[in-house]
Amino acid sequence: MMYAVLSLGLALLDGIVRLAQVLRLSAPLLYGALVITVFRPWYLAHTALADGIFLVLVGLAALSWVVTLIRAVRETIW
């Protein structure tokens, strides 16, 4: 039973990581994991800055989606 739960958990984690890679959210995911675990005292002291950095990373990922969409539309038109 424990093996099944562990296998299911690892499969779910693998799926989340692969989805993050496809959506280009690896950097925000890595940043979030590091800030919450390794740099927790810094995060608690500088919450607004840390959240701002995270939002900038997510915004850059969204910008890359828009650029990819524009390129795909241009290729389709030409």
N, C-alpha and C. Protein backbone atom coordinates (compact mmCIF):
# COMPACT_ATOMS: atom_id res chain seq x y z
N MET A 1 0.83 -1.20 0.00
CA MET A 1 0.00 0.00 0.00
C MET A 1 0.88 1.27 0.00
N MET A 2 1.89 1.26 0.84
CA MET A 2 2.77 2.42 0.93
C MET A 2 3.52 2.63 -0.39
N TYR A 3 3.92 1.53 -1.02
CA TYR A 3 4.61 1.61 -2.30
C TYR A 3 3.70 2.23 -3.36
N ALA A 4 2.44 1.88 -3.35
CA ALA A 4 1.49 2.42 -4.32
C ALA A 4 1.29 3.92 -4.10
N VAL A 5 1.18 4.34 -2.88
CA VAL A 5 1.00 5.76 -2.58
C VAL A 5 2.25 6.54 -2.97
N LEU A 6 3.42 6.00 -2.68
CA LEU A 6 4.67 6.66 -3.05
C LEU A 6 4.81 6.74 -4.57
N SER A 7 4.48 5.66 -5.26
CA SER A 7 4.56 5.66 -6.72
C SER A 7 3.59 6.66 -7.33
N LEU A 8 2.39 6.72 -6.80
CA LEU A 8 1.40 7.66 -7.30
C LEU A 8 1.84 9.11 -7.04
N GLY A 9 2.41 9.35 -5.88
CA GLY A 9 2.90 10.70 -5.56
C GLY A 9 4.04 11.12 -6.47
N LEU A 10 4.97 10.22 -6.73
CA LEU A 10 6.08 10.54 -7.62
C LEU A 10 5.61 10.73 -9.06
N ALA A 11 4.64 9.94 -9.49
CA ALA A 11 4.08 10.11 -10.84
C ALA A 11 3.38 11.45 -10.96
N LEU A 12 2.67 11.85 -9.93
CA LEU A 12 1.98 13.14 -9.93
C LEU A 12 3.00 14.28 -9.95
N LEU A 13 4.05 14.17 -9.18
CA LEU A 13 5.10 15.18 -9.16
C LEU A 13 5.79 15.26 -10.52
N ASP A 14 6.05 14.12 -11.13
CA ASP A 14 6.65 14.11 -12.46
C ASP A 14 5.74 14.79 -13.48
N GLY A 15 4.46 14.55 -13.39
CA GLY A 15 3.51 15.20 -14.29
C GLY A 15 3.49 16.71 -14.12
N ILE A 16 3.56 17.16 -12.88
CA ILE A 16 3.56 18.60 -12.62
C ILE A 16 4.84 19.24 -13.16
N VAL A 17 5.97 18.58 -12.99
CA VAL A 17 7.24 19.12 -13.48
C VAL A 17 7.24 19.17 -15.00
N ARG A 18 6.74 18.13 -15.65
CA ARG A 18 6.69 18.12 -17.12
C ARG A 18 5.75 19.20 -17.64
N LEU A 19 4.62 19.40 -16.99
CA LEU A 19 3.70 20.45 -17.38
C LEU A 19 4.35 21.82 -17.22
N ALA A 20 5.10 22.01 -16.16
CA ALA A 20 5.80 23.28 -15.94
C ALA A 20 6.84 23.51 -17.03
N GLN A 21 7.51 22.45 -17.47
CA GLN A 21 8.49 22.59 -18.54
C GLN A 21 7.82 22.98 -19.85
N VAL A 22 6.71 22.33 -20.15
CA VAL A 22 6.00 22.63 -21.40
C VAL A 22 5.48 24.06 -21.40
N LEU A 23 4.99 24.53 -20.27
CA LEU A 23 4.45 25.88 -20.16
C LEU A 23 5.53 26.92 -19.85
N ARG A 24 6.78 26.50 -19.85
CA ARG A 24 7.93 27.37 -19.58
C ARG A 24 7.85 28.02 -18.19
N LEU A 25 7.38 27.25 -17.25
CA LEU A 25 7.28 27.75 -15.88
C LEU A 25 8.30 27.12 -14.95
N SER A 26 9.37 26.56 -15.52
CA SER A 26 10.40 25.90 -14.71
C SER A 26 11.11 26.89 -13.79
N ALA A 27 11.46 28.06 -14.32
CA ALA A 27 12.18 29.05 -13.51
C ALA A 27 11.32 29.55 -12.34
N PRO A 28 10.04 29.93 -12.57
CA PRO A 28 9.24 30.33 -11.41
C PRO A 28 9.02 29.20 -10.40
N LEU A 29 8.87 27.97 -10.90
CA LEU A 29 8.69 26.83 -10.00
C LEU A 29 9.94 26.60 -9.16
N LEU A 30 11.10 26.65 -9.79
CA LEU A 30 12.36 26.47 -9.06
C LEU A 30 12.57 27.61 -8.07
N TYR A 31 12.30 28.84 -8.50
CA TYR A 31 12.44 29.99 -7.61
C TYR A 31 11.52 29.85 -6.39
N GLY A 32 10.27 29.48 -6.65
CA GLY A 32 9.33 29.33 -5.54
C GLY A 32 9.76 28.25 -4.56
N ALA A 33 10.24 27.13 -5.08
CA ALA A 33 10.68 26.04 -4.21
C ALA A 33 11.90 26.46 -3.39
N LEU A 34 12.84 27.15 -4.01
CA LEU A 34 14.04 27.57 -3.28
C LEU A 34 13.73 28.64 -2.24
N VAL A 35 12.88 29.58 -2.59
CA VAL A 35 12.57 30.67 -1.65
C VAL A 35 11.83 30.13 -0.43
N ILE A 36 10.93 29.21 -0.66
CA ILE A 36 10.14 28.68 0.46
C ILE A 36 10.99 27.80 1.38
N THR A 37 11.96 27.09 0.81
CA THR A 37 12.73 26.14 1.63
C THR A 37 14.08 26.71 2.08
N VAL A 38 14.93 27.07 1.13
CA VAL A 38 16.31 27.45 1.45
C VAL A 38 16.39 28.88 1.98
N PHE A 39 15.69 29.79 1.33
CA PHE A 39 15.79 31.21 1.68
C PHE A 39 14.59 31.71 2.47
N ARG A 40 14.03 30.87 3.33
CA ARG A 40 12.83 31.24 4.09
C ARG A 40 13.03 32.48 4.96
N PRO A 41 14.12 32.61 5.70
CA PRO A 41 14.28 33.83 6.51
C PRO A 41 14.32 35.09 5.65
N TRP A 42 15.01 35.02 4.50
CA TRP A 42 15.05 36.17 3.60
C TRP A 42 13.66 36.47 3.07
N TYR A 43 12.91 35.42 2.71
CA TYR A 43 11.56 35.61 2.18
C TYR A 43 10.66 36.28 3.22
N LEU A 44 10.75 35.86 4.46
CA LEU A 44 9.91 36.45 5.50
C LEU A 44 10.28 37.91 5.76
N ALA A 45 11.55 38.27 5.55
CA ALA A 45 11.97 39.65 5.76
C ALA A 45 11.65 40.54 4.56
N HIS A 46 11.58 39.96 3.37
CA HIS A 46 11.39 40.73 2.14
C HIS A 46 10.27 40.13 1.30
N THR A 47 9.10 40.00 1.89
CA THR A 47 7.99 39.32 1.22
C THR A 47 7.57 40.03 -0.06
N ALA A 48 7.45 41.33 -0.03
CA ALA A 48 7.00 42.07 -1.21
C ALA A 48 7.99 41.92 -2.36
N LEU A 49 9.27 42.01 -2.07
CA LEU A 49 10.29 41.86 -3.11
C LEU A 49 10.27 40.44 -3.69
N ALA A 50 10.20 39.45 -2.82
CA ALA A 50 10.20 38.07 -3.27
C ALA A 50 8.97 37.77 -4.13
N ASP A 51 7.81 38.27 -3.71
CA ASP A 51 6.60 38.07 -4.51
C ASP A 51 6.69 38.81 -5.83
N GLY A 52 7.29 39.99 -5.82
CA GLY A 52 7.47 40.74 -7.06
C GLY A 52 8.37 40.00 -8.04
N ILE A 53 9.45 39.42 -7.54
CA ILE A 53 10.35 38.65 -8.40
C ILE A 53 9.60 37.46 -9.01
N PHE A 54 8.81 36.79 -8.19
CA PHE A 54 8.03 35.65 -8.68
C PHE A 54 7.05 36.08 -9.77
N LEU A 55 6.38 37.19 -9.56
CA LEU A 55 5.42 37.66 -10.56
C LEU A 55 6.12 38.09 -11.85
N VAL A 56 7.31 38.66 -11.74
CA VAL A 56 8.08 39.01 -12.94
C VAL A 56 8.45 37.75 -13.72
N LEU A 57 8.86 36.71 -13.02
CA LEU A 57 9.19 35.46 -13.70
C LEU A 57 7.98 34.85 -14.40
N VAL A 58 6.84 34.88 -13.75
CA VAL A 58 5.62 34.36 -14.38
C VAL A 58 5.22 35.25 -15.55
N GLY A 59 5.38 36.56 -15.40
CA GLY A 59 5.08 37.48 -16.49
C GLY A 59 5.97 37.26 -17.70
N LEU A 60 7.25 36.98 -17.47
CA LEU A 60 8.15 36.68 -18.59
C LEU A 60 7.74 35.38 -19.29
N ALA A 61 7.28 34.41 -18.53
CA ALA A 61 6.81 33.17 -19.14
C ALA A 61 5.57 33.45 -19.99
N ALA A 62 4.66 34.27 -19.49
CA ALA A 62 3.46 34.63 -20.25
C ALA A 62 3.84 35.42 -21.50
N LEU A 63 4.82 36.30 -21.39
CA LEU A 63 5.29 37.04 -22.55
C LEU A 63 5.87 36.11 -23.60
N SER A 64 6.56 35.09 -23.18
CA SER A 64 7.10 34.12 -24.14
C SER A 64 5.97 33.35 -24.84
N TRP A 65 4.84 33.11 -24.13
CA TRP A 65 3.69 32.47 -24.77
C TRP A 65 3.14 33.38 -25.86
N VAL A 66 3.04 34.67 -25.56
CA VAL A 66 2.50 35.63 -26.53
C VAL A 66 3.40 35.72 -27.76
N VAL A 67 4.70 35.78 -27.55
CA VAL A 67 5.65 35.84 -28.67
C VAL A 67 5.53 34.58 -29.52
N THR A 68 5.43 33.43 -28.89
CA THR A 68 5.27 32.18 -29.64
C THR A 68 3.96 32.18 -30.43
N LEU A 69 2.90 32.68 -29.84
CA LEU A 69 1.62 32.75 -30.54
C LEU A 69 1.70 33.68 -31.73
N ILE A 70 2.33 34.83 -31.57
CA ILE A 70 2.48 35.78 -32.68
C ILE A 70 3.31 35.17 -33.80
N ARG A 71 4.37 34.49 -33.46
CA ARG A 71 5.20 33.83 -34.49
C ARG A 71 4.41 32.76 -35.23
N ALA A 72 3.60 32.00 -34.51
CA ALA A 72 2.81 30.95 -35.15
C ALA A 72 1.77 31.56 -36.10
N VAL A 73 1.17 32.66 -35.70
CA VAL A 73 0.19 33.33 -36.56
C VAL A 73 0.87 33.90 -37.79
N ARG A 74 2.04 34.50 -37.62
CA ARG A 74 2.79 35.04 -38.77
C ARG A 74 3.16 33.94 -39.75
N GLU A 75 3.61 32.80 -39.24
CA GLU A 75 3.95 31.69 -40.14
C GLU A 75 2.73 31.18 -40.87
N THR A 76 1.59 31.15 -40.20
CA THR A 76 0.36 30.69 -40.84
C THR A 76 -0.07 31.65 -41.93
N ILE A 77 0.07 32.94 -41.69
CA ILE A 77 -0.34 33.94 -42.69
C ILE A 77 0.60 33.92 -43.88
N TRP A 78 1.90 33.83 -43.66
CA TRP A 78 2.86 33.86 -44.75
C TRP A 78 2.88 32.51 -45.39
